[in-house]
Amino acid sequence: MISRLSLFLLMATVLSALWLVHSHYESRRLFMALESARKETQRLAVQQDRLEVERRSQSSPLRVEKIARQQLQMHTASPAITQYVKRPESVGAHPTAPAAPVPKDAP
């Protein structure tokens, strides 16, 4: 007949083996998740680089000027089409002088 000690040691060995299998499975699952995250990180880094290059090309001065001319019908400023506006000046006042205060008893 099997003694209690032998039965206990057998159960402890079986439980230990099951725990070992479970921990090995869990470690493999975590390793696969880590590798998947690394691949995703690398994919995102490549995408970020591609988008950065695209952003730089989209904001180049030549492209912005081309869009301004074609889509917005904008033209470069030239002296022929420039209109200068003069500020109306008060009689006897210097243009940089502050305005005279209004009296308090004025209606």
PDB file of N, CA and C in Angstrom:
ATOM      1  N   MET A   1       0.833  -1.171   0.000  1.00  0.00           N
ATOM      2  CA  MET A   1       0.000   0.000   0.000  1.00  0.00           C
ATOM      3  C   MET A   1       0.891   1.252   0.000  1.00  0.00           C
ATOM      4  N   ILE A   2       0.389   2.249  -0.689  1.00  0.00           N
ATOM      5  CA  ILE A   2       1.157   3.486  -0.821  1.00  0.00           C
ATOM      6  C   ILE A   2       0.967   4.293   0.454  1.00  0.00           C
ATOM      7  N   SER A   3       2.072   4.747   0.962  1.00  0.00           N
ATOM      8  CA  SER A   3       1.988   5.530   2.195  1.00  0.00           C
ATOM      9  C   SER A   3       1.500   6.949   1.873  1.00  0.00           C
ATOM     10  N   ARG A   4       1.069   7.583   2.861  1.00  0.00           N
ATOM     11  CA  ARG A   4       0.572   8.967   2.691  1.00  0.00           C
ATOM     12  C   ARG A   4       1.666   9.900   2.206  1.00  0.00           C
ATOM     13  N   LEU A   5       2.846   9.681   2.686  1.00  0.00           N
ATOM     14  CA  LEU A   5       3.965  10.527   2.264  1.00  0.00           C
ATOM     15  C   LEU A   5       4.219  10.356   0.769  1.00  0.00           C
ATOM     16  N   SER A   6       4.197   9.124   0.287  1.00  0.00           N
ATOM     17  CA  SER A   6       4.422   8.871  -1.133  1.00  0.00           C
ATOM     18  C   SER A   6       3.308   9.486  -1.974  1.00  0.00           C
ATOM     19  N   LEU A   7       2.081   9.373  -1.499  1.00  0.00           N
ATOM     20  CA  LEU A   7       0.949   9.968  -2.206  1.00  0.00           C
ATOM     21  C   LEU A   7       1.078  11.497  -2.247  1.00  0.00           C
ATOM     22  N   PHE A   8       1.485  12.074  -1.147  1.00  0.00           N
ATOM     23  CA  PHE A   8       1.684  13.519  -1.080  1.00  0.00           C
ATOM     24  C   PHE A   8       2.786  13.956  -2.043  1.00  0.00           C
ATOM     25  N   LEU A   9       3.912  13.208  -2.070  1.00  0.00           N
ATOM     26  CA  LEU A   9       5.023  13.548  -2.960  1.00  0.00           C
ATOM     27  C   LEU A   9       4.619  13.398  -4.432  1.00  0.00           C
ATOM     28  N   LEU A  10       3.791  12.373  -4.731  1.00  0.00           N
ATOM     29  CA  LEU A  10       3.313  12.179  -6.082  1.00  0.00           C
ATOM     30  C   LEU A  10       2.429  13.360  -6.516  1.00  0.00           C
ATOM     31  N   MET A  11       1.519  13.768  -5.652  1.00  0.00           N
ATOM     32  CA  MET A  11       0.644  14.914  -5.952  1.00  0.00           C
ATOM     33  C   MET A  11       1.465  16.203  -6.102  1.00  0.00           C
ATOM     34  N   ALA A  12       2.451  16.392  -5.247  1.00  0.00           N
ATOM     35  CA  ALA A  12       3.294  17.583  -5.325  1.00  0.00           C
ATOM     36  C   ALA A  12       4.063  17.591  -6.643  1.00  0.00           C
ATOM     37  N   THR A  13       4.550  16.407  -7.079  1.00  0.00           N
ATOM     38  CA  THR A  13       5.286  16.324  -8.340  1.00  0.00           C
ATOM     39  C   THR A  13       4.372  16.622  -9.528  1.00  0.00           C
ATOM     40  N   VAL A  14       3.149  16.088  -9.516  1.00  0.00           N
ATOM     41  CA  VAL A  14       2.197  16.334 -10.599  1.00  0.00           C
ATOM     42  C   VAL A  14       1.820  17.814 -10.644  1.00  0.00           C
ATOM     43  N   LEU A  15       1.533  18.393  -9.487  1.00  0.00           N
ATOM     44  CA  LEU A  15       1.195  19.825  -9.444  1.00  0.00           C
ATOM     45  C   LEU A  15       2.372  20.683  -9.901  1.00  0.00           C
ATOM     46  N   SER A  16       3.578  20.302  -9.519  1.00  0.00           N
ATOM     47  CA  SER A  16       4.764  21.041  -9.937  1.00  0.00           C
ATOM     48  C   SER A  16       4.934  20.960 -11.457  1.00  0.00           C
ATOM     49  N   ALA A  17       4.709  19.782 -12.026  1.00  0.00           N
ATOM     50  CA  ALA A  17       4.822  19.613 -13.474  1.00  0.00           C
ATOM     51  C   ALA A  17       3.758  20.453 -14.191  1.00  0.00           C
ATOM     52  N   LEU A  18       2.530  20.449 -13.678  1.00  0.00           N
ATOM     53  CA  LEU A  18       1.471  21.254 -14.280  1.00  0.00           C
ATOM     54  C   LEU A  18       1.800  22.740 -14.191  1.00  0.00           C
ATOM     55  N   TRP A  19       2.335  23.148 -13.069  1.00  0.00           N
ATOM     56  CA  TRP A  19       2.717  24.562 -12.916  1.00  0.00           C
ATOM     57  C   TRP A  19       3.839  24.926 -13.891  1.00  0.00           C
ATOM     58  N   LEU A  20       4.786  24.020 -14.080  1.00  0.00           N
ATOM     59  CA  LEU A  20       5.885  24.256 -15.010  1.00  0.00           C
ATOM     60  C   LEU A  20       5.355  24.404 -16.439  1.00  0.00           C
ATOM     61  N   VAL A  21       4.443  23.538 -16.841  1.00  0.00           N
ATOM     62  CA  VAL A  21       3.864  23.620 -18.179  1.00  0.00           C
ATOM     63  C   VAL A  21       3.114  24.945 -18.340  1.00  0.00           C
ATOM     64  N   HIS A  22       2.340  25.317 -17.323  1.00  0.00           N
ATOM     65  CA  HIS A  22       1.578  26.568 -17.396  1.00  0.00           C
ATOM     66  C   HIS A  22       2.514  27.787 -17.483  1.00  0.00           C
ATOM     67  N   SER A  23       3.560  27.810 -16.676  1.00  0.00           N
ATOM     68  CA  SER A  23       4.477  28.954 -16.702  1.00  0.00           C
ATOM     69  C   SER A  23       5.235  29.012 -18.027  1.00  0.00           C
ATOM     70  N   HIS A  24       5.577  27.850 -18.596  1.00  0.00           N
ATOM     71  CA  HIS A  24       6.247  27.840 -19.896  1.00  0.00           C
ATOM     72  C   HIS A  24       5.291  28.377 -20.984  1.00  0.00           C
ATOM     73  N   TYR A  25       4.048  27.961 -20.941  1.00  0.00           N
ATOM     74  CA  TYR A  25       3.050  28.447 -21.897  1.00  0.00           C
ATOM     75  C   TYR A  25       2.869  29.963 -21.751  1.00  0.00           C
ATOM     76  N   GLU A  26       2.763  30.428 -20.519  1.00  0.00           N
ATOM     77  CA  GLU A  26       2.557  31.863 -20.270  1.00  0.00           C
ATOM     78  C   GLU A  26       3.768  32.665 -20.743  1.00  0.00           C
ATOM     79  N   SER A  27       4.972  32.157 -20.504  1.00  0.00           N
ATOM     80  CA  SER A  27       6.169  32.865 -20.941  1.00  0.00           C
ATOM     81  C   SER A  27       6.221  32.918 -22.465  1.00  0.00           C
ATOM     82  N   ARG A  28       5.833  31.863 -23.142  1.00  0.00           N
ATOM     83  CA  ARG A  28       5.816  31.848 -24.606  1.00  0.00           C
ATOM     84  C   ARG A  28       4.766  32.836 -25.139  1.00  0.00           C
ATOM     85  N   ARG A  29       3.604  32.887 -24.511  1.00  0.00           N
ATOM     86  CA  ARG A  29       2.546  33.805 -24.916  1.00  0.00           C
ATOM     87  C   ARG A  29       3.004  35.251 -24.746  1.00  0.00           C
ATOM     88  N   LEU A  30       3.655  35.561 -23.627  1.00  0.00           N
ATOM     89  CA  LEU A  30       4.158  36.912 -23.397  1.00  0.00           C
ATOM     90  C   LEU A  30       5.276  37.277 -24.379  1.00  0.00           C
ATOM     91  N   PHE A  31       6.124  36.302 -24.721  1.00  0.00           N
ATOM     92  CA  PHE A  31       7.187  36.551 -25.685  1.00  0.00           C
ATOM     93  C   PHE A  31       6.596  36.874 -27.054  1.00  0.00           C
ATOM     94  N   MET A  32       5.566  36.155 -27.452  1.00  0.00           N
ATOM     95  CA  MET A  32       4.915  36.418 -28.741  1.00  0.00           C
ATOM     96  C   MET A  32       4.259  37.803 -28.739  1.00  0.00           C
ATOM     97  N   ALA A  33       3.655  38.189 -27.619  1.00  0.00           N
ATOM     98  CA  ALA A  33       3.061  39.519 -27.526  1.00  0.00           C
ATOM     99  C   ALA A  33       4.146  40.597 -27.617  1.00  0.00           C
ATOM    100  N   LEU A  34       5.285  40.369 -27.001  1.00  0.00           N
ATOM    101  CA  LEU A  34       6.404  41.311 -27.069  1.00  0.00           C
ATOM    102  C   LEU A  34       6.913  41.451 -28.498  1.00  0.00           C
ATOM    103  N   GLU A  35       7.084  40.343 -29.192  1.00  0.00           N
ATOM    104  CA  GLU A  35       7.538  40.390 -30.585  1.00  0.00           C
ATOM    105  C   GLU A  35       6.524  41.111 -31.463  1.00  0.00           C
ATOM    106  N   SER A  36       5.264  40.880 -31.217  1.00  0.00           N
ATOM    107  CA  SER A  36       4.218  41.560 -31.987  1.00  0.00           C
ATOM    108  C   SER A  36       4.280  43.070 -31.740  1.00  0.00           C
ATOM    109  N   ALA A  37       4.488  43.473 -30.497  1.00  0.00           N
ATOM    110  CA  ALA A  37       4.594  44.898 -30.165  1.00  0.00           C
ATOM    111  C   ALA A  37       5.841  45.515 -30.808  1.00  0.00           C
ATOM    112  N   ARG A  38       6.929  44.775 -30.856  1.00  0.00           N
ATOM    113  CA  ARG A  38       8.145  45.286 -31.504  1.00  0.00           C
ATOM    114  C   ARG A  38       7.928  45.498 -33.001  1.00  0.00           C
ATOM    115  N   LYS A  39       7.254  44.539 -33.641  1.00  0.00           N
ATOM    116  CA  LYS A  39       6.973  44.687 -35.072  1.00  0.00           C
ATOM    117  C   LYS A  39       6.060  45.880 -35.319  1.00  0.00           C
ATOM    118  N   GLU A  40       5.066  46.063 -34.459  1.00  0.00           N
ATOM    119  CA  GLU A  40       4.149  47.195 -34.594  1.00  0.00           C
ATOM    120  C   GLU A  40       4.905  48.513 -34.394  1.00  0.00           C
ATOM    121  N   THR A  41       5.819  48.550 -33.440  1.00  0.00           N
ATOM    122  CA  THR A  41       6.630  49.745 -33.205  1.00  0.00           C
ATOM    123  C   THR A  41       7.466  50.075 -34.434  1.00  0.00           C
ATOM    124  N   GLN A  42       8.068  49.058 -35.036  1.00  0.00           N
ATOM    125  CA  GLN A  42       8.885  49.282 -36.227  1.00  0.00           C
ATOM    126  C   GLN A  42       8.006  49.755 -37.386  1.00  0.00           C
ATOM    127  N   ARG A  43       6.823  49.172 -37.545  1.00  0.00           N
ATOM    128  CA  ARG A  43       5.916  49.577 -38.620  1.00  0.00           C
ATOM    129  C   ARG A  43       5.488  51.038 -38.438  1.00  0.00           C
ATOM    130  N   LEU A  44       5.185  51.415 -37.191  1.00  0.00           N
ATOM    131  CA  LEU A  44       4.774  52.788 -36.915  1.00  0.00           C
ATOM    132  C   LEU A  44       5.920  53.783 -37.135  1.00  0.00           C
ATOM    133  N   ALA A  45       7.136  53.373 -36.815  1.00  0.00           N
ATOM    134  CA  ALA A  45       8.289  54.259 -37.039  1.00  0.00           C
ATOM    135  C   ALA A  45       8.492  54.499 -38.534  1.00  0.00           C
ATOM    136  N   VAL A  46       8.351  53.462 -39.334  1.00  0.00           N
ATOM    137  CA  VAL A  46       8.484  53.612 -40.788  1.00  0.00           C
ATOM    138  C   VAL A  46       7.370  54.504 -41.321  1.00  0.00           C
ATOM    139  N   GLN A  47       6.159  54.303 -40.821  1.00  0.00           N
ATOM    140  CA  GLN A  47       5.033  55.134 -41.260  1.00  0.00           C
ATOM    141  C   GLN A  47       5.241  56.594 -40.859  1.00  0.00           C
ATOM    142  N   GLN A  48       5.760  56.815 -39.659  1.00  0.00           N
ATOM    143  CA  GLN A  48       6.019  58.188 -39.216  1.00  0.00           C
ATOM    144  C   GLN A  48       7.044  58.862 -40.120  1.00  0.00           C
ATOM    145  N   ASP A  49       8.104  58.140 -40.467  1.00  0.00           N
ATOM    146  CA  ASP A  49       9.113  58.700 -41.367  1.00  0.00           C
ATOM    147  C   ASP A  49       8.500  59.044 -42.729  1.00  0.00           C
ATOM    148  N   ARG A  50       7.666  58.146 -43.252  1.00  0.00           N
ATOM    149  CA  ARG A  50       7.023  58.385 -44.542  1.00  0.00           C
ATOM    150  C   ARG A  50       6.118  59.609 -44.483  1.00  0.00           C
ATOM    151  N   LEU A  51       5.350  59.721 -43.400  1.00  0.00           N
ATOM    152  CA  LEU A  51       4.457  60.866 -43.253  1.00  0.00           C
ATOM    153  C   LEU A  51       5.224  62.171 -43.074  1.00  0.00           C
ATOM    154  N   GLU A  52       6.354  62.116 -42.407  1.00  0.00           N
ATOM    155  CA  GLU A  52       7.181  63.316 -42.226  1.00  0.00           C
ATOM    156  C   GLU A  52       7.728  63.797 -43.574  1.00  0.00           C
ATOM    157  N   VAL A  53       8.179  62.863 -44.398  1.00  0.00           N
ATOM    158  CA  VAL A  53       8.665  63.219 -45.733  1.00  0.00           C
ATOM    159  C   VAL A  53       7.520  63.801 -46.558  1.00  0.00           C
ATOM    160  N   GLU A  54       6.355  63.188 -46.463  1.00  0.00           N
ATOM    161  CA  GLU A  54       5.190  63.688 -47.203  1.00  0.00           C
ATOM    162  C   GLU A  54       4.788  65.083 -46.728  1.00  0.00           C
ATOM    163  N   ARG A  55       4.831  65.308 -45.419  1.00  0.00           N
ATOM    164  CA  ARG A  55       4.489  66.634 -44.877  1.00  0.00           C
ATOM    165  C   ARG A  55       5.460  67.684 -45.391  1.00  0.00           C
ATOM    166  N   ARG A  56       6.748  67.339 -45.396  1.00  0.00           N
ATOM    167  CA  ARG A  56       7.738  68.297 -45.899  1.00  0.00           C
ATOM    168  C   ARG A  56       7.515  68.612 -47.370  1.00  0.00           C
ATOM    169  N   SER A  57       7.179  67.598 -48.148  1.00  0.00           N
ATOM    170  CA  SER A  57       6.959  67.857 -49.576  1.00  0.00           C
ATOM    171  C   SER A  57       5.671  68.642 -49.803  1.00  0.00           C
ATOM    172  N   GLN A  58       4.658  68.428 -48.974  1.00  0.00           N
ATOM    173  CA  GLN A  58       3.393  69.146 -49.120  1.00  0.00           C
ATOM    174  C   GLN A  58       3.532  70.614 -48.740  1.00  0.00           C
ATOM    175  N   SER A  59       4.452  70.928 -47.858  1.00  0.00           N
ATOM    176  CA  SER A  59       4.582  72.318 -47.399  1.00  0.00           C
ATOM    177  C   SER A  59       5.749  73.052 -48.050  1.00  0.00           C
ATOM    178  N   SER A  60       6.237  72.530 -49.152  1.00  0.00           N
ATOM    179  CA  SER A  60       7.333  73.224 -49.830  1.00  0.00           C
ATOM    180  C   SER A  60       6.819  74.546 -50.396  1.00  0.00           C
ATOM    181  N   PRO A  61       7.651  75.572 -50.406  1.00  0.00           N
ATOM    182  CA  PRO A  61       7.218  76.884 -50.890  1.00  0.00           C
ATOM    183  C   PRO A  61       6.694  76.866 -52.325  1.00  0.00           C
ATOM    184  N   LEU A  62       7.309  76.062 -53.184  1.00  0.00           N
ATOM    185  CA  LEU A  62       6.855  76.017 -54.574  1.00  0.00           C
ATOM    186  C   LEU A  62       5.444  75.441 -54.676  1.00  0.00           C
ATOM    187  N   ARG A  63       5.168  74.399 -53.900  1.00  0.00           N
ATOM    188  CA  ARG A  63       3.837  73.797 -53.937  1.00  0.00           C
ATOM    189  C   ARG A  63       2.794  74.756 -53.371  1.00  0.00           C
ATOM    190  N   VAL A  64       3.117  75.430 -52.288  1.00  0.00           N
ATOM    191  CA  VAL A  64       2.180  76.389 -51.691  1.00  0.00           C
ATOM    192  C   VAL A  64       1.883  77.515 -52.682  1.00  0.00           C
ATOM    193  N   GLU A  65       2.909  78.009 -53.370  1.00  0.00           N
ATOM    194  CA  GLU A  65       2.697  79.075 -54.350  1.00  0.00           C
ATOM    195  C   GLU A  65       1.853  78.583 -55.516  1.00  0.00           C
ATOM    196  N   LYS A  66       2.091  77.368 -55.967  1.00  0.00           N
ATOM    197  CA  LYS A  66       1.318  76.804 -57.078  1.00  0.00           C
ATOM    198  C   LYS A  66      -0.164  76.681 -56.709  1.00  0.00           C
ATOM    199  N   ILE A  67      -0.444  76.199 -55.520  1.00  0.00           N
ATOM    200  CA  ILE A  67      -1.836  76.071 -55.065  1.00  0.00           C
ATOM    201  C   ILE A  67      -2.476  77.443 -54.914  1.00  0.00           C
ATOM    202  N   ALA A  68      -1.719  78.405 -54.387  1.00  0.00           N
ATOM    203  CA  ALA A  68      -2.253  79.762 -54.218  1.00  0.00           C
ATOM    204  C   ALA A  68      -2.626  80.357 -55.575  1.00  0.00           C
ATOM    205  N   ARG A  69      -1.831  80.106 -56.581  1.00  0.00           N
ATOM    206  CA  ARG A  69      -2.122  80.649 -57.912  1.00  0.00           C
ATOM    207  C   ARG A  69      -3.299  79.921 -58.573  1.00  0.00           C
ATOM    208  N   GLN A  70      -3.301  78.586 -58.499  1.00  0.00           N
ATOM    209  CA  GLN A  70      -4.305  77.813 -59.226  1.00  0.00           C
ATOM    210  C   GLN A  70      -5.658  77.787 -58.518  1.00  0.00           C
ATOM    211  N   GLN A  71      -5.666  77.396 -57.256  1.00  0.00           N
ATOM    212  CA  GLN A  71      -6.939  77.192 -56.570  1.00  0.00           C
ATOM    213  C   GLN A  71      -7.511  78.469 -55.969  1.00  0.00           C
ATOM    214  N   LEU A  72      -6.653  79.354 -55.497  1.00  0.00           N
ATOM    215  CA  LEU A  72      -7.127  80.569 -54.838  1.00  0.00           C
ATOM    216  C   LEU A  72      -7.057  81.800 -55.740  1.00  0.00           C
ATOM    217  N   GLN A  73      -6.567  81.634 -56.950  1.00  0.00           N
ATOM    218  CA  GLN A  73      -6.412  82.726 -57.907  1.00  0.00           C
ATOM    219  C   GLN A  73      -5.682  83.922 -57.298  1.00  0.00           C
ATOM    220  N   MET A  74      -4.621  83.663 -56.569  1.00  0.00           N
ATOM    221  CA  MET A  74      -3.828  84.732 -55.965  1.00  0.00           C
ATOM    222  C   MET A  74      -2.703  85.122 -56.927  1.00  0.00           C
ATOM    223  N   HIS A  75      -2.277  86.375 -56.848  1.00  0.00           N
ATOM    224  CA  HIS A  75      -1.201  86.893 -57.692  1.00  0.00           C
ATOM    225  C   HIS A  75      -0.145  87.512 -56.785  1.00  0.00           C
ATOM    226  N   THR A  76       1.065  87.572 -57.305  1.00  0.00           N
ATOM    227  CA  THR A  76       2.118  88.237 -56.547  1.00  0.00           C
ATOM    228  C   THR A  76       1.887  89.742 -56.585  1.00  0.00           C
ATOM    229  N   ALA A  77       2.232  90.385 -55.515  1.00  0.00           N
ATOM    230  CA  ALA A  77       2.047  91.838 -55.437  1.00  0.00           C
ATOM    231  C   ALA A  77       3.113  92.518 -56.291  1.00  0.00           C
ATOM    232  N   SER A  78       2.676  93.453 -57.096  1.00  0.00           N
ATOM    233  CA  SER A  78       3.612  94.232 -57.905  1.00  0.00           C
ATOM    234  C   SER A  78       3.234  95.700 -57.742  1.00  0.00           C
ATOM    235  N   PRO A  79       4.144  96.605 -57.999  1.00  0.00           N
ATOM    236  CA  PRO A  79       3.830  98.026 -57.866  1.00  0.00           C
ATOM    237  C   PRO A  79       2.695  98.468 -58.779  1.00  0.00           C
ATOM    238  N   ALA A  80       2.479  97.769 -59.885  1.00  0.00           N
ATOM    239  CA  ALA A  80       1.426  98.163 -60.827  1.00  0.00           C
ATOM    240  C   ALA A  80       0.032  97.936 -60.244  1.00  0.00           C
ATOM    241  N   ILE A  81      -0.127  96.917 -59.380  1.00  0.00           N
ATOM    242  CA  ILE A  81      -1.453  96.631 -58.837  1.00  0.00           C
ATOM    243  C   ILE A  81      -1.582  96.997 -57.360  1.00  0.00           C
ATOM    244  N   THR A  82      -0.534  97.570 -56.804  1.00  0.00           N
ATOM    245  CA  THR A  82      -0.566  97.946 -55.391  1.00  0.00           C
ATOM    246  C   THR A  82      -1.242  99.295 -55.223  1.00  0.00           C
ATOM    247  N   GLN A  83      -2.139  99.371 -54.283  1.00  0.00           N
ATOM    248  CA  GLN A  83      -2.811 100.636 -53.982  1.00  0.00           C
ATOM    249  C   GLN A  83      -2.381 101.062 -52.584  1.00  0.00           C
ATOM    250  N   TYR A  84      -1.891 102.271 -52.480  1.00  0.00           N
ATOM    251  CA  TYR A  84      -1.447 102.794 -51.208  1.00  0.00           C
ATOM    252  C   TYR A  84      -2.551 103.665 -50.625  1.00  0.00           C
ATOM    253  N   VAL A  85      -2.837 103.507 -49.357  1.00  0.00           N
ATOM    254  CA  VAL A  85      -3.885 104.275 -48.685  1.00  0.00           C
ATOM    255  C   VAL A  85      -3.212 105.209 -47.698  1.00  0.00           C
ATOM    256  N   LYS A  86      -3.616 106.475 -47.733  1.00  0.00           N
ATOM    257  CA  LYS A  86      -3.045 107.448 -46.811  1.00  0.00           C
ATOM    258  C   LYS A  86      -4.028 107.660 -45.674  1.00  0.00           C
ATOM    259  N   ARG A  87      -3.483 107.851 -44.491  1.00  0.00           N
ATOM    260  CA  ARG A  87      -4.309 108.131 -43.319  1.00  0.00           C
ATOM    261  C   ARG A  87      -4.767 109.578 -43.369  1.00  0.00           C
ATOM    262  N   PRO A  88      -6.037 109.836 -43.086  1.00  0.00           N
ATOM    263  CA  PRO A  88      -6.454 111.243 -43.005  1.00  0.00           C
ATOM    264  C   PRO A  88      -5.844 111.870 -41.756  1.00  0.00           C
ATOM    265  N   GLU A  89      -5.258 113.014 -41.919  1.00  0.00           N
ATOM    266  CA  GLU A  89      -4.611 113.668 -40.788  1.00  0.00           C
ATOM    267  C   GLU A  89      -5.468 114.823 -40.307  1.00  0.00           C
ATOM    268  N   SER A  90      -5.501 115.046 -39.017  1.00  0.00           N
ATOM    269  CA  SER A  90      -6.235 116.177 -38.441  1.00  0.00           C
ATOM    270  C   SER A  90      -5.494 117.462 -38.775  1.00  0.00           C
ATOM    271  N   VAL A  91      -6.223 118.530 -38.880  1.00  0.00           N
ATOM    272  CA  VAL A  91      -5.622 119.816 -39.224  1.00  0.00           C
ATOM    273  C   VAL A  91      -4.764 120.275 -38.055  1.00  0.00           C
ATOM    274  N   GLY A  92      -3.512 120.530 -38.319  1.00  0.00           N
ATOM    275  CA  GLY A  92      -2.614 121.072 -37.309  1.00  0.00           C
ATOM    276  C   GLY A  92      -2.083 120.031 -36.329  1.00  0.00           C
ATOM    277  N   ALA A  93      -2.449 118.805 -36.440  1.00  0.00           N
ATOM    278  CA  ALA A  93      -1.957 117.776 -35.509  1.00  0.00           C
ATOM    279  C   ALA A  93      -0.882 116.940 -36.195  1.00  0.00           C
ATOM    280  N   HIS A  94       0.074 116.535 -35.429  1.00  0.00           N
ATOM    281  CA  HIS A  94       1.141 115.693 -35.935  1.00  0.00           C
ATOM    282  C   HIS A  94       0.613 114.252 -35.972  1.00  0.00           C
ATOM    283  N   PRO A  95       0.898 113.464 -37.003  1.00  0.00           N
ATOM    284  CA  PRO A  95       0.324 112.115 -37.094  1.00  0.00           C
ATOM    285  C   PRO A  95       0.714 111.193 -35.946  1.00  0.00           C
ATOM    286  N   THR A  96       1.850 111.444 -35.297  1.00  0.00           N
ATOM    287  CA  THR A  96       2.250 110.582 -34.191  1.00  0.00           C
ATOM    288  C   THR A  96       1.863 111.158 -32.845  1.00  0.00           C
ATOM    289  N   ALA A  97       1.303 112.384 -32.829  1.00  0.00           N
ATOM    290  CA  ALA A  97       0.921 113.010 -31.558  1.00  0.00           C
ATOM    291  C   ALA A  97      -0.380 112.374 -31.057  1.00  0.00           C
ATOM    292  N   PRO A  98      -0.511 112.233 -29.734  1.00  0.00           N
ATOM    293  CA  PRO A  98      -1.745 111.660 -29.198  1.00  0.00           C
ATOM    294  C   PRO A  98      -2.910 112.622 -29.398  1.00  0.00           C
ATOM    295  N   ALA A  99      -4.098 112.060 -29.480  1.00  0.00           N
ATOM    296  CA  ALA A  99      -5.294 112.886 -29.678  1.00  0.00           C
ATOM    297  C   ALA A  99      -5.546 113.726 -28.437  1.00  0.00           C
ATOM    298  N   ALA A 100      -6.131 114.922 -28.644  1.00  0.00           N
ATOM    299  CA  ALA A 100      -6.439 115.813 -27.516  1.00  0.00           C
ATOM    300  C   ALA A 100      -7.599 115.231 -26.717  1.00  0.00           C
ATOM    301  N   PRO A 101      -7.535 115.318 -25.370  1.00  0.00           N
ATOM    302  CA  PRO A 101      -8.609 114.768 -24.562  1.00  0.00           C
ATOM    303  C   PRO A 101      -9.889 115.595 -24.738  1.00  0.00           C
ATOM    304  N   VAL A 102     -11.031 114.899 -24.632  1.00  0.00           N
ATOM    305  CA  VAL A 102     -12.324 115.563 -24.743  1.00  0.00           C
ATOM    306  C   VAL A 102     -12.690 116.154 -23.383  1.00  0.00           C
ATOM    307  N   PRO A 103     -13.141 117.443 -23.351  1.00  0.00           N
ATOM    308  CA  PRO A 103     -13.501 118.048 -22.064  1.00  0.00           C
ATOM    309  C   PRO A 103     -14.706 117.308 -21.453  1.00  0.00           C
ATOM    310  N   LYS A 104     -14.756 117.292 -20.110  1.00  0.00           N
ATOM    311  CA  LYS A 104     -15.828 116.579 -19.389  1.00  0.00           C
ATOM    312  C   LYS A 104     -17.177 117.267 -19.528  1.00  0.00           C
ATOM    313  N   ASP A 105     -17.202 118.583 -19.671  1.00  0.00           N
ATOM    314  CA  ASP A 105     -18.484 119.305 -19.732  1.00  0.00           C
ATOM    315  C   ASP A 105     -19.007 119.413 -21.166  1.00  0.00           C
ATOM    316  N   ALA A 106     -18.438 118.700 -22.101  1.00  0.00           N
ATOM    317  CA  ALA A 106     -18.926 118.725 -23.474  1.00  0.00           C
ATOM    318  C   ALA A 106     -20.176 117.851 -23.569  1.00  0.00           C
ATOM    319  N   PRO A 107     -21.171 118.284 -24.399  1.00  0.00           N
ATOM    320  CA  PRO A 107     -22.407 117.503 -24.490  1.00  0.00           C
ATOM    321  C   PRO A 107     -22.258 116.222 -25.176  1.00  0.00           C
TER     322      PRO A 107
END
